Amino acid sequence: MTAGELPTFDELPNFHNYTGCAWDVWGKDDQLGTINLLTEDVVREAAQEIKLGKTICLNWPVNFPNKPLFNRQPPRLEIWTKRAGVPVNDDSLHINTQSGTQWDGLKHFGVLEHGVFYQNTPIDFFKYGHLTLENHSQIDPQLIKYGIHNWAQHGICGRGVLLDIVRYYTASGSPLPYDPWTTHAIPAEVLQDCAAKQGVTFKRGDILLIRFGFMQRYNAATQAERDSLSGKEETLAGIEQTEDTKRFLWNNHFAAIASDQPAIERWPPPGPHLHQTLLGLWGMPIGEFFDLEALSKVCAETGRYTFFFTSWPLNVLGGVASPPNAAAYL
């Protein structure tokens, strides 16, 4: 199917009891999902967004949070000298690729009820445990199928769009009507209204970034409050799990979606996780823990909420997820 023939959400077939299955949109052998929307023409046009030469990092330091959510391992950085008295150092970094700023890859989350990942791939298709690849020229493609390296080698580059939900609610001086660290749903109509108030018109292949307020809340919290996040059941604000949300995201044909929250969706979900649709049925990258604070300030100062966006995930053959190495250029 060509880019000009993309179906609407309601034209997509169901997968059992789940609406909007996009497995046939780019063919049964596809391993890119909605990253297929980032064509050369889309990237070339997106580069025109660079007007001021400003560059903004969108990654939280890999060291944070030191007490991750969702029972993930904390990052560990070790530094040592190569030889006593000689000014030469090395270091090693041990991380869970989803402990901080991250892209969820196609091997991360499937359709739970039916036990399959993207493209109807069963759980037992994947090799678990230590993955050893010794000969670069003789790698079994089935061993690394649907790995994060597919996005790493393509790049997640195009026009970024920031929906600043925090500023949408507070620009008039009113307080944010929810705590980002508690369960709260943001419906699709709020996302659409925010875009309209910012003067944003979406384009096919946009990379959608949403600022819900997690980082702002974290930066203002005490260390005890921060540490407490990892010791209780996660409750988080995020997009609402509805058919309207799915229509909004699919019909605007976003290439990827990310936010400053540890989960893109309201958590815990009242029903099926939206991750199942985004990753399992569409192959859409989900970005979490993106640091959007500096970007939000520049967007507000300039009145521009679109920019050139780049992300080069770690080129890990067969990997599940990755820090994004993401940046915005205005």
C-alpha atoms as a PDB file:
ATOM      1  CA  MET A   1       0.000   0.000   0.000  1.00  0.00           C
ATOM      2  CA  THR A   2       1.412   3.412  -0.933  1.00  0.00           C
ATOM      3  CA  ALA A   3       1.488   6.422   1.348  1.00  0.00           C
ATOM      4  CA  GLY A   4      -1.320   8.016  -0.637  1.00  0.00           C
ATOM      5  CA  GLU A   5      -3.629   5.071   0.024  1.00  0.00           C
ATOM      6  CA  LEU A   6      -3.523   4.946   3.798  1.00  0.00           C
ATOM      7  CA  PRO A   7      -6.864   3.827   5.223  1.00  0.00           C
ATOM      8  CA  THR A   8      -8.753   5.699   7.918  1.00  0.00           C
ATOM      9  CA  PHE A   9      -9.017   4.156  11.356  1.00  0.00           C
ATOM     10  CA  ASP A  10     -12.536   2.919  10.688  1.00  0.00           C
ATOM     11  CA  GLU A  11     -11.357   1.266   7.454  1.00  0.00           C
ATOM     12  CA  LEU A  12      -8.790  -0.835   9.279  1.00  0.00           C
ATOM     13  CA  PRO A  13      -9.850  -4.424  10.052  1.00  0.00           C
ATOM     14  CA  ASN A  14     -10.398  -5.756  13.543  1.00  0.00           C
ATOM     15  CA  PHE A  15      -8.119  -8.261  15.222  1.00  0.00           C
ATOM     16  CA  HIS A  16     -10.577 -10.365  17.177  1.00  0.00           C
ATOM     17  CA  ASN A  17     -12.116  -7.878  19.631  1.00  0.00           C
ATOM     18  CA  TYR A  18      -9.549  -5.100  18.939  1.00  0.00           C
ATOM     19  CA  THR A  19     -10.345  -2.375  16.425  1.00  0.00           C
ATOM     20  CA  GLY A  20      -7.852  -0.803  14.058  1.00  0.00           C
ATOM     21  CA  CYS A  21      -5.322  -3.476  13.103  1.00  0.00           C
ATOM     22  CA  ALA A  22      -2.706  -2.095  10.673  1.00  0.00           C
ATOM     23  CA  TRP A  23      -0.667  -5.241   9.984  1.00  0.00           C
ATOM     24  CA  ASP A  24      -1.538  -5.244   6.273  1.00  0.00           C
ATOM     25  CA  VAL A  25      -0.858  -1.539   5.678  1.00  0.00           C
ATOM     26  CA  TRP A  26       2.861  -1.944   4.907  1.00  0.00           C
ATOM     27  CA  GLY A  27       2.940  -5.670   4.201  1.00  0.00           C
ATOM     28  CA  LYS A  28       3.391  -8.817   6.241  1.00  0.00           C
ATOM     29  CA  ASP A  29       7.199  -8.560   6.228  1.00  0.00           C
ATOM     30  CA  ASP A  30       7.224  -5.037   7.654  1.00  0.00           C
ATOM     31  CA  GLN A  31       9.417  -4.303  10.684  1.00  0.00           C
ATOM     32  CA  LEU A  32       9.150  -0.496  10.750  1.00  0.00           C
ATOM     33  CA  GLY A  33       5.485   0.146  11.522  1.00  0.00           C
ATOM     34  CA  THR A  34       4.512   3.810  11.342  1.00  0.00           C
ATOM     35  CA  ILE A  35       8.158   4.787  10.826  1.00  0.00           C
ATOM     36  CA  ASN A  36       7.353   3.955   7.183  1.00  0.00           C
ATOM     37  CA  LEU A  37       5.691   7.385   7.121  1.00  0.00           C
ATOM     38  CA  LEU A  38       9.096   9.080   7.477  1.00  0.00           C
ATOM     39  CA  THR A  39       9.926   9.083   3.793  1.00  0.00           C
ATOM     40  CA  GLU A  40      12.711  11.072   2.165  1.00  0.00           C
ATOM     41  CA  ASP A  41      10.188  13.698   1.055  1.00  0.00           C
ATOM     42  CA  VAL A  42       8.794  14.006   4.581  1.00  0.00           C
ATOM     43  CA  VAL A  43      12.272  14.425   6.084  1.00  0.00           C
ATOM     44  CA  ARG A  44      13.317  16.922   3.418  1.00  0.00           C
ATOM     45  CA  GLU A  45      10.257  19.071   4.044  1.00  0.00           C
ATOM     46  CA  ALA A  46      10.642  18.789   7.812  1.00  0.00           C
ATOM     47  CA  ALA A  47      14.177  20.167   7.606  1.00  0.00           C
ATOM     48  CA  GLN A  48      12.640  23.499   6.548  1.00  0.00           C
ATOM     49  CA  GLU A  49      11.436  23.882  10.135  1.00  0.00           C
ATOM     50  CA  ILE A  50      14.949  24.946  11.171  1.00  0.00           C
ATOM     51  CA  LYS A  51      14.733  28.743  11.242  1.00  0.00           C
ATOM     52  CA  LEU A  52      16.712  29.938  14.278  1.00  0.00           C
ATOM     53  CA  GLY A  53      19.479  27.380  14.557  1.00  0.00           C
ATOM     54  CA  LYS A  54      18.441  26.518  18.129  1.00  0.00           C
ATOM     55  CA  THR A  55      19.125  22.945  19.259  1.00  0.00           C
ATOM     56  CA  ILE A  56      17.439  21.381  22.291  1.00  0.00           C
ATOM     57  CA  CYS A  57      18.208  18.081  23.979  1.00  0.00           C
ATOM     58  CA  LEU A  58      15.086  16.033  24.775  1.00  0.00           C
ATOM     59  CA  ASN A  59      16.784  13.321  26.812  1.00  0.00           C
ATOM     60  CA  TRP A  60      16.756  13.124  30.581  1.00  0.00           C
ATOM     61  CA  PRO A  61      20.262  12.178  31.803  1.00  0.00           C
ATOM     62  CA  VAL A  62      20.637   8.394  31.611  1.00  0.00           C
ATOM     63  CA  ASN A  63      21.461   8.440  35.342  1.00  0.00           C
ATOM     64  CA  PHE A  64      17.818   9.324  36.160  1.00  0.00           C
ATOM     65  CA  PRO A  65      15.623   8.289  37.757  1.00  0.00           C
ATOM     66  CA  ASN A  66      17.959   6.514  40.154  1.00  0.00           C
ATOM     67  CA  LYS A  67      14.919   4.623  41.473  1.00  0.00           C
ATOM     68  CA  PRO A  68      13.002   3.687  38.303  1.00  0.00           C
ATOM     69  CA  LEU A  69       9.303   2.954  38.074  1.00  0.00           C
ATOM     70  CA  PHE A  70       7.669  -0.312  36.995  1.00  0.00           C
ATOM     71  CA  ASN A  71      10.173  -2.384  38.965  1.00  0.00           C
ATOM     72  CA  ARG A  72      13.013  -1.718  36.526  1.00  0.00           C
ATOM     73  CA  GLN A  73      16.692  -1.917  37.368  1.00  0.00           C
ATOM     74  CA  PRO A  74      18.416   1.365  38.276  1.00  0.00           C
ATOM     75  CA  PRO A  75      21.179   2.701  36.008  1.00  0.00           C
ATOM     76  CA  ARG A  76      24.757   2.121  37.114  1.00  0.00           C
ATOM     77  CA  LEU A  77      27.774   4.095  35.917  1.00  0.00           C
ATOM     78  CA  GLU A  78      31.267   2.924  36.804  1.00  0.00           C
ATOM     79  CA  ILE A  79      34.453   4.872  36.063  1.00  0.00           C
ATOM     80  CA  TRP A  80      38.002   3.624  36.481  1.00  0.00           C
ATOM     81  CA  THR A  81      41.526   4.634  35.559  1.00  0.00           C
ATOM     82  CA  LYS A  82      43.361   2.508  33.028  1.00  0.00           C
ATOM     83  CA  ARG A  83      46.578   2.760  35.011  1.00  0.00           C
ATOM     84  CA  ALA A  84      47.369   4.408  38.319  1.00  0.00           C
ATOM     85  CA  GLY A  85      48.902   7.836  37.893  1.00  0.00           C
ATOM     86  CA  VAL A  86      48.164   7.955  34.123  1.00  0.00           C
ATOM     87  CA  PRO A  87      45.450  10.350  32.863  1.00  0.00           C
ATOM     88  CA  VAL A  88      43.459   7.731  30.931  1.00  0.00           C
ATOM     89  CA  ASN A  89      39.983   6.617  32.069  1.00  0.00           C
ATOM     90  CA  ASP A  90      37.290   4.193  30.948  1.00  0.00           C
ATOM     91  CA  ASP A  91      33.723   3.702  32.085  1.00  0.00           C
ATOM     92  CA  SER A  92      30.876   1.236  31.748  1.00  0.00           C
ATOM     93  CA  LEU A  93      27.147   1.851  31.788  1.00  0.00           C
ATOM     94  CA  HIS A  94      24.588  -0.750  32.866  1.00  0.00           C
ATOM     95  CA  ILE A  95      20.991   0.237  32.174  1.00  0.00           C
ATOM     96  CA  ASN A  96      17.561  -1.150  31.667  1.00  0.00           C
ATOM     97  CA  THR A  97      16.795   0.478  28.313  1.00  0.00           C
ATOM     98  CA  GLN A  98      13.404   1.553  29.656  1.00  0.00           C
ATOM     99  CA  SER A  99      14.395   2.914  33.057  1.00  0.00           C
ATOM    100  CA  GLY A 100      14.524   6.526  31.820  1.00  0.00           C
ATOM    101  CA  THR A 101      13.997   8.401  28.550  1.00  0.00           C
ATOM    102  CA  GLN A 102      13.142   5.683  26.046  1.00  0.00           C
ATOM    103  CA  TRP A 103      11.480   4.400  22.931  1.00  0.00           C
ATOM    104  CA  ASP A 104       9.347   1.308  23.430  1.00  0.00           C
ATOM    105  CA  GLY A 105      10.113  -1.023  20.505  1.00  0.00           C
ATOM    106  CA  LEU A 106       8.016  -3.611  18.704  1.00  0.00           C
ATOM    107  CA  LYS A 107       9.213  -6.424  20.965  1.00  0.00           C
ATOM    108  CA  HIS A 108       8.144  -4.605  24.139  1.00  0.00           C
ATOM    109  CA  PHE A 109       4.353  -4.852  24.226  1.00  0.00           C
ATOM    110  CA  GLY A 110       1.869  -6.943  22.301  1.00  0.00           C
ATOM    111  CA  VAL A 111      -1.819  -7.773  22.420  1.00  0.00           C
ATOM    112  CA  LEU A 112      -1.955  -9.309  25.883  1.00  0.00           C
ATOM    113  CA  GLU A 113      -5.229 -11.174  25.624  1.00  0.00           C
ATOM    114  CA  HIS A 114      -4.158 -12.999  22.486  1.00  0.00           C
ATOM    115  CA  GLY A 115      -0.482 -13.497  23.285  1.00  0.00           C
ATOM    116  CA  VAL A 116       0.950 -11.901  20.137  1.00  0.00           C
ATOM    117  CA  PHE A 117       3.172  -8.994  19.181  1.00  0.00           C
ATOM    118  CA  TYR A 118       3.242  -6.855  16.007  1.00  0.00           C
ATOM    119  CA  GLN A 119       2.348  -8.746  12.830  1.00  0.00           C
ATOM    120  CA  ASN A 120       0.661 -11.515  14.854  1.00  0.00           C
ATOM    121  CA  THR A 121       4.033 -12.716  16.164  1.00  0.00           C
ATOM    122  CA  PRO A 122       3.588 -15.262  18.998  1.00  0.00           C
ATOM    123  CA  ILE A 123       5.412 -14.908  22.311  1.00  0.00           C
ATOM    124  CA  ASP A 124       7.515 -18.020  21.760  1.00  0.00           C
ATOM    125  CA  PHE A 125       8.912 -16.643  18.483  1.00  0.00           C
ATOM    126  CA  PHE A 126      11.521 -14.618  20.372  1.00  0.00           C
ATOM    127  CA  LYS A 127      14.708 -15.890  21.986  1.00  0.00           C
ATOM    128  CA  TYR A 128      14.932 -14.895  25.633  1.00  0.00           C
ATOM    129  CA  GLY A 129      17.925 -14.616  27.912  1.00  0.00           C
ATOM    130  CA  HIS A 130      21.426 -13.633  26.833  1.00  0.00           C
ATOM    131  CA  LEU A 131      21.548 -12.914  23.085  1.00  0.00           C
ATOM    132  CA  THR A 132      24.970 -13.662  21.600  1.00  0.00           C
ATOM    133  CA  LEU A 133      25.773 -12.564  18.027  1.00  0.00           C
ATOM    134  CA  GLU A 134      29.286 -13.573  17.047  1.00  0.00           C
ATOM    135  CA  ASN A 135      29.529 -13.208  13.269  1.00  0.00           C
ATOM    136  CA  HIS A 136      28.172  -9.962  11.837  1.00  0.00           C
ATOM    137  CA  SER A 137      27.961 -11.402   8.326  1.00  0.00           C
ATOM    138  CA  GLN A 138      26.049 -14.532   9.333  1.00  0.00           C
ATOM    139  CA  ILE A 139      23.282 -13.319  11.636  1.00  0.00           C
ATOM    140  CA  ASP A 140      20.016 -15.225  11.478  1.00  0.00           C
ATOM    141  CA  PRO A 141      17.433 -12.541  10.552  1.00  0.00           C
ATOM    142  CA  GLN A 142      14.763 -14.433  12.476  1.00  0.00           C
ATOM    143  CA  LEU A 143      16.848 -14.139  15.658  1.00  0.00           C
ATOM    144  CA  ILE A 144      16.789 -10.339  15.589  1.00  0.00           C
ATOM    145  CA  LYS A 145      13.413  -9.786  13.890  1.00  0.00           C
ATOM    146  CA  TYR A 146      11.412  -6.753  15.074  1.00  0.00           C
ATOM    147  CA  GLY A 147      14.432  -5.481  17.005  1.00  0.00           C
ATOM    148  CA  ILE A 148      15.043  -1.813  17.838  1.00  0.00           C
ATOM    149  CA  HIS A 149      17.890  -1.778  15.292  1.00  0.00           C
ATOM    150  CA  ASN A 150      15.321  -1.352  12.506  1.00  0.00           C
ATOM    151  CA  TRP A 151      14.405   2.093  13.795  1.00  0.00           C
ATOM    152  CA  ALA A 152      18.035   2.823  14.679  1.00  0.00           C
ATOM    153  CA  GLN A 153      19.203   2.193  11.140  1.00  0.00           C
ATOM    154  CA  HIS A 154      16.305   4.131   9.578  1.00  0.00           C
ATOM    155  CA  GLY A 155      16.298   6.996  12.066  1.00  0.00           C
ATOM    156  CA  ILE A 156      13.241   8.639  13.606  1.00  0.00           C
ATOM    157  CA  CYS A 157      13.623  11.999  11.916  1.00  0.00           C
ATOM    158  CA  GLY A 158      10.942  14.392  10.691  1.00  0.00           C
ATOM    159  CA  ARG A 159       8.736  17.238  11.790  1.00  0.00           C
ATOM    160  CA  GLY A 160       8.131  17.297  15.528  1.00  0.00           C
ATOM    161  CA  VAL A 161       5.014  18.843  17.056  1.00  0.00           C
ATOM    162  CA  LEU A 162       4.725  19.763  20.733  1.00  0.00           C
ATOM    163  CA  LEU A 163       1.317  19.814  22.379  1.00  0.00           C
ATOM    164  CA  ASP A 164       1.966  21.659  25.626  1.00  0.00           C
ATOM    165  CA  ILE A 165      -0.968  20.511  27.742  1.00  0.00           C
ATOM    166  CA  VAL A 166       0.542  22.103  30.855  1.00  0.00           C
ATOM    167  CA  ARG A 167       0.604  25.542  29.223  1.00  0.00           C
ATOM    168  CA  TYR A 168      -2.806  24.917  27.642  1.00  0.00           C
ATOM    169  CA  TYR A 169      -4.317  24.694  31.125  1.00  0.00           C
ATOM    170  CA  THR A 170      -2.142  27.197  32.999  1.00  0.00           C
ATOM    171  CA  ALA A 171      -1.366  30.042  30.546  1.00  0.00           C
ATOM    172  CA  SER A 172      -4.257  32.097  31.941  1.00  0.00           C
ATOM    173  CA  GLY A 173      -2.909  31.785  35.476  1.00  0.00           C
ATOM    174  CA  SER A 174      -5.052  28.837  36.520  1.00  0.00           C
ATOM    175  CA  PRO A 175      -3.398  25.885  38.248  1.00  0.00           C
ATOM    176  CA  LEU A 176      -2.957  22.598  36.425  1.00  0.00           C
ATOM    177  CA  PRO A 177      -6.281  20.788  37.046  1.00  0.00           C
ATOM    178  CA  TYR A 178      -4.612  17.441  37.711  1.00  0.00           C
ATOM    179  CA  ASP A 179      -1.545  15.989  39.374  1.00  0.00           C
ATOM    180  CA  PRO A 180       0.669  14.298  36.722  1.00  0.00           C
ATOM    181  CA  TRP A 181       1.550  11.674  39.344  1.00  0.00           C
ATOM    182  CA  THR A 182      -2.064  10.558  39.754  1.00  0.00           C
ATOM    183  CA  THR A 183      -4.388   8.670  37.431  1.00  0.00           C
ATOM    184  CA  HIS A 184      -5.928  11.208  35.050  1.00  0.00           C
ATOM    185  CA  ALA A 185      -7.114  10.894  31.446  1.00  0.00           C
ATOM    186  CA  ILE A 186      -6.541  13.531  28.753  1.00  0.00           C
ATOM    187  CA  PRO A 187      -9.181  13.050  26.026  1.00  0.00           C
ATOM    188  CA  ALA A 188      -8.590  13.482  22.318  1.00  0.00           C
ATOM    189  CA  GLU A 189     -10.661  16.665  22.184  1.00  0.00           C
ATOM    190  CA  VAL A 190      -8.219  18.372  24.570  1.00  0.00           C
ATOM    191  CA  LEU A 191      -5.304  17.379  22.319  1.00  0.00           C
ATOM    192  CA  GLN A 192      -7.141  18.761  19.305  1.00  0.00           C
ATOM    193  CA  ASP A 193      -8.094  21.985  21.077  1.00  0.00           C
ATOM    194  CA  CYS A 194      -4.530  22.451  22.312  1.00  0.00           C
ATOM    195  CA  ALA A 195      -3.247  22.108  18.743  1.00  0.00           C
ATOM    196  CA  ALA A 196      -5.811  24.656  17.518  1.00  0.00           C
ATOM    197  CA  LYS A 197      -4.872  27.187  20.214  1.00  0.00           C
ATOM    198  CA  GLN A 198      -1.186  26.748  19.371  1.00  0.00           C
ATOM    199  CA  GLY A 199      -1.935  27.281  15.674  1.00  0.00           C
ATOM    200  CA  VAL A 200      -0.749  23.794  14.751  1.00  0.00           C
ATOM    201  CA  THR A 201      -2.043  21.921  11.711  1.00  0.00           C
ATOM    202  CA  PHE A 202      -0.861  18.335  11.601  1.00  0.00           C
ATOM    203  CA  LYS A 203       0.930  16.767   8.644  1.00  0.00           C
ATOM    204  CA  ARG A 204       1.327  13.117   7.750  1.00  0.00           C
ATOM    205  CA  GLY A 205       4.436  11.708   9.389  1.00  0.00           C
ATOM    206  CA  ASP A 206       4.548  14.193  12.280  1.00  0.00           C
ATOM    207  CA  ILE A 207       6.257  13.046  15.477  1.00  0.00           C
ATOM    208  CA  LEU A 208       3.903  14.015  18.289  1.00  0.00           C
ATOM    209  CA  LEU A 209       5.348  15.138  21.645  1.00  0.00           C
ATOM    210  CA  ILE A 210       2.981  15.829  24.543  1.00  0.00           C
ATOM    211  CA  ARG A 211       3.918  17.687  27.716  1.00  0.00           C
ATOM    212  CA  PHE A 212       1.687  16.486  30.532  1.00  0.00           C
ATOM    213  CA  GLY A 213       3.796  17.800  33.404  1.00  0.00           C
ATOM    214  CA  PHE A 214       5.694  14.863  34.898  1.00  0.00           C
ATOM    215  CA  MET A 215       9.105  16.521  34.617  1.00  0.00           C
ATOM    216  CA  GLN A 216       7.860  19.831  35.998  1.00  0.00           C
ATOM    217  CA  ARG A 217       6.344  17.972  38.946  1.00  0.00           C
ATOM    218  CA  TYR A 218       9.521  15.926  39.449  1.00  0.00           C
ATOM    219  CA  ASN A 219      11.789  18.954  39.386  1.00  0.00           C
ATOM    220  CA  ALA A 220       9.697  20.678  42.077  1.00  0.00           C
ATOM    221  CA  ALA A 221       9.404  17.589  44.334  1.00  0.00           C
ATOM    222  CA  THR A 222      11.517  16.657  47.323  1.00  0.00           C
ATOM    223  CA  GLN A 223      13.909  13.741  46.991  1.00  0.00           C
ATOM    224  CA  ALA A 224      11.693  11.721  49.309  1.00  0.00           C
ATOM    225  CA  GLU A 225       8.712  12.315  46.997  1.00  0.00           C
ATOM    226  CA  ARG A 226      10.780  11.303  43.982  1.00  0.00           C
ATOM    227  CA  ASP A 227      12.021   8.141  45.640  1.00  0.00           C
ATOM    228  CA  SER A 228       8.495   7.200  46.677  1.00  0.00           C
ATOM    229  CA  LEU A 229       7.440   6.798  43.050  1.00  0.00           C
ATOM    230  CA  SER A 230       9.263   3.472  42.770  1.00  0.00           C
ATOM    231  CA  GLY A 231       7.815   2.014  45.943  1.00  0.00           C
ATOM    232  CA  LYS A 232       4.107   2.119  45.127  1.00  0.00           C
ATOM    233  CA  GLU A 233       1.707   1.181  42.363  1.00  0.00           C
ATOM    234  CA  GLU A 234       2.128   3.573  39.457  1.00  0.00           C
ATOM    235  CA  THR A 235      -0.601   6.198  39.003  1.00  0.00           C
ATOM    236  CA  LEU A 236      -0.029   8.591  36.120  1.00  0.00           C
ATOM    237  CA  ALA A 237      -1.760  11.077  33.874  1.00  0.00           C
ATOM    238  CA  GLY A 238      -1.826  10.333  30.142  1.00  0.00           C
ATOM    239  CA  ILE A 239      -3.954  10.051  27.051  1.00  0.00           C
ATOM    240  CA  GLU A 240      -7.354   8.478  27.408  1.00  0.00           C
ATOM    241  CA  GLN A 241      -7.901   4.903  26.238  1.00  0.00           C
ATOM    242  CA  THR A 242     -10.843   5.441  23.875  1.00  0.00           C
ATOM    243  CA  GLU A 243     -11.769   4.867  20.258  1.00  0.00           C
ATOM    244  CA  ASP A 244     -11.693   8.651  19.753  1.00  0.00           C
ATOM    245  CA  THR A 245      -8.065   8.723  20.875  1.00  0.00           C
ATOM    246  CA  LYS A 246      -7.205   5.936  18.456  1.00  0.00           C
ATOM    247  CA  ARG A 247      -8.952   7.772  15.607  1.00  0.00           C
ATOM    248  CA  PHE A 248      -7.117  10.985  16.451  1.00  0.00           C
ATOM    249  CA  LEU A 249      -3.714   9.295  16.442  1.00  0.00           C
ATOM    250  CA  TRP A 250      -4.247   7.090  13.391  1.00  0.00           C
ATOM    251  CA  ASN A 251      -6.169   9.494  11.162  1.00  0.00           C
ATOM    252  CA  ASN A 252      -3.514  12.182  11.649  1.00  0.00           C
ATOM    253  CA  HIS A 253      -0.954   9.515  10.665  1.00  0.00           C
ATOM    254  CA  PHE A 254       1.663  10.337  13.261  1.00  0.00           C
ATOM    255  CA  ALA A 255       4.944   8.474  12.764  1.00  0.00           C
ATOM    256  CA  ALA A 256       5.611   8.285  16.524  1.00  0.00           C
ATOM    257  CA  ILE A 257       4.284   9.604  19.813  1.00  0.00           C
ATOM    258  CA  ALA A 258       6.144  10.564  22.996  1.00  0.00           C
ATOM    259  CA  SER A 259       5.533  12.425  26.243  1.00  0.00           C
ATOM    260  CA  ASP A 260       7.222  13.420  29.481  1.00  0.00           C
ATOM    261  CA  GLN A 261       5.258  10.780  31.400  1.00  0.00           C
ATOM    262  CA  PRO A 262       6.638   7.314  32.316  1.00  0.00           C
ATOM    263  CA  ALA A 263       3.711   5.878  30.325  1.00  0.00           C
ATOM    264  CA  ILE A 264       2.072   7.646  27.398  1.00  0.00           C
ATOM    265  CA  GLU A 265      -1.407   6.637  28.577  1.00  0.00           C
ATOM    266  CA  ARG A 266      -3.447   7.108  31.740  1.00  0.00           C
ATOM    267  CA  TRP A 267      -2.171   4.627  34.291  1.00  0.00           C
ATOM    268  CA  PRO A 268      -3.452   2.264  35.354  1.00  0.00           C
ATOM    269  CA  PRO A 269      -5.758   1.879  32.360  1.00  0.00           C
ATOM    270  CA  PRO A 270      -9.400   1.120  33.122  1.00  0.00           C
ATOM    271  CA  GLY A 271      -9.488  -1.421  30.302  1.00  0.00           C
ATOM    272  CA  PRO A 272      -7.152  -2.625  27.529  1.00  0.00           C
ATOM    273  CA  HIS A 273      -3.797  -0.854  27.448  1.00  0.00           C
ATOM    274  CA  LEU A 274      -3.389   1.596  24.569  1.00  0.00           C
ATOM    275  CA  HIS A 275       0.132   0.153  24.208  1.00  0.00           C
ATOM    276  CA  GLN A 276      -1.537  -2.889  22.665  1.00  0.00           C
ATOM    277  CA  THR A 277      -2.913  -0.818  19.796  1.00  0.00           C
ATOM    278  CA  LEU A 278       0.029   1.541  19.305  1.00  0.00           C
ATOM    279  CA  LEU A 279       2.801  -1.077  19.413  1.00  0.00           C
ATOM    280  CA  GLY A 280       0.974  -4.349  18.862  1.00  0.00           C
ATOM    281  CA  LEU A 281      -1.432  -3.365  16.079  1.00  0.00           C
ATOM    282  CA  TRP A 282       0.203  -0.303  14.487  1.00  0.00           C
ATOM    283  CA  GLY A 283       3.928  -0.589  15.133  1.00  0.00           C
ATOM    284  CA  MET A 284       4.042   3.002  16.414  1.00  0.00           C
ATOM    285  CA  PRO A 285       7.042   3.976  18.592  1.00  0.00           C
ATOM    286  CA  ILE A 286       6.056   5.081  22.091  1.00  0.00           C
ATOM    287  CA  GLY A 287       8.415   7.541  23.741  1.00  0.00           C
ATOM    288  CA  GLU A 288       8.366   7.975  27.509  1.00  0.00           C
ATOM    289  CA  PHE A 289      10.200  10.144  30.035  1.00  0.00           C
ATOM    290  CA  PHE A 290      11.126  12.712  27.343  1.00  0.00           C
ATOM    291  CA  ASP A 291      12.397  15.934  28.925  1.00  0.00           C
ATOM    292  CA  LEU A 292      10.266  18.618  27.266  1.00  0.00           C
ATOM    293  CA  GLU A 293      10.838  21.455  29.730  1.00  0.00           C
ATOM    294  CA  ALA A 294      13.426  23.430  27.739  1.00  0.00           C
ATOM    295  CA  LEU A 295      11.547  22.823  24.499  1.00  0.00           C
ATOM    296  CA  SER A 296       8.285  24.113  25.987  1.00  0.00           C
ATOM    297  CA  LYS A 297       9.964  27.383  26.995  1.00  0.00           C
ATOM    298  CA  VAL A 298      11.445  27.993  23.562  1.00  0.00           C
ATOM    299  CA  CYS A 299       8.161  27.130  21.844  1.00  0.00           C
ATOM    300  CA  ALA A 300       6.284  29.575  24.092  1.00  0.00           C
ATOM    301  CA  GLU A 301       8.869  32.315  23.526  1.00  0.00           C
ATOM    302  CA  THR A 302       8.871  31.921  19.752  1.00  0.00           C
ATOM    303  CA  GLY A 303       5.205  31.023  19.298  1.00  0.00           C
ATOM    304  CA  ARG A 304       6.314  28.034  17.208  1.00  0.00           C
ATOM    305  CA  TYR A 305       5.338  24.523  18.233  1.00  0.00           C
ATOM    306  CA  THR A 306       6.767  22.688  15.239  1.00  0.00           C
ATOM    307  CA  PHE A 307      10.443  21.908  14.667  1.00  0.00           C
ATOM    308  CA  PHE A 308      12.816  19.438  13.073  1.00  0.00           C
ATOM    309  CA  PHE A 309      13.123  16.342  15.239  1.00  0.00           C
ATOM    310  CA  THR A 310      15.825  13.692  15.205  1.00  0.00           C
ATOM    311  CA  SER A 311      16.239  10.493  17.166  1.00  0.00           C
ATOM    312  CA  TRP A 312      18.801   7.754  16.671  1.00  0.00           C
ATOM    313  CA  PRO A 313      18.096   4.833  19.021  1.00  0.00           C
ATOM    314  CA  LEU A 314      20.922   2.511  19.991  1.00  0.00           C
ATOM    315  CA  ASN A 315      21.767   0.190  17.104  1.00  0.00           C
ATOM    316  CA  VAL A 316      21.233  -2.986  19.127  1.00  0.00           C
ATOM    317  CA  LEU A 317      20.435  -5.941  16.893  1.00  0.00           C
ATOM    318  CA  GLY A 318      17.283  -7.578  18.222  1.00  0.00           C
ATOM    319  CA  GLY A 319      16.882  -5.074  21.070  1.00  0.00           C
ATOM    320  CA  VAL A 320      13.554  -4.428  22.766  1.00  0.00           C
ATOM    321  CA  ALA A 321      13.870  -0.716  23.551  1.00  0.00           C
ATOM    322  CA  SER A 322      16.384   2.130  23.624  1.00  0.00           C
ATOM    323  CA  PRO A 323      17.237   5.571  24.910  1.00  0.00           C
ATOM    324  CA  PRO A 324      16.180   7.869  22.029  1.00  0.00           C
ATOM    325  CA  ASN A 325      19.151  10.226  21.641  1.00  0.00           C
ATOM    326  CA  ALA A 326      16.544  12.795  20.636  1.00  0.00           C
ATOM    327  CA  ALA A 327      16.804  16.495  19.807  1.00  0.00           C
ATOM    328  CA  ALA A 328      14.681  19.346  18.480  1.00  0.00           C
ATOM    329  CA  TYR A 329      15.975  21.960  16.030  1.00  0.00           C
ATOM    330  CA  LEU A 330      14.168  25.290  15.678  1.00  0.00           C
END
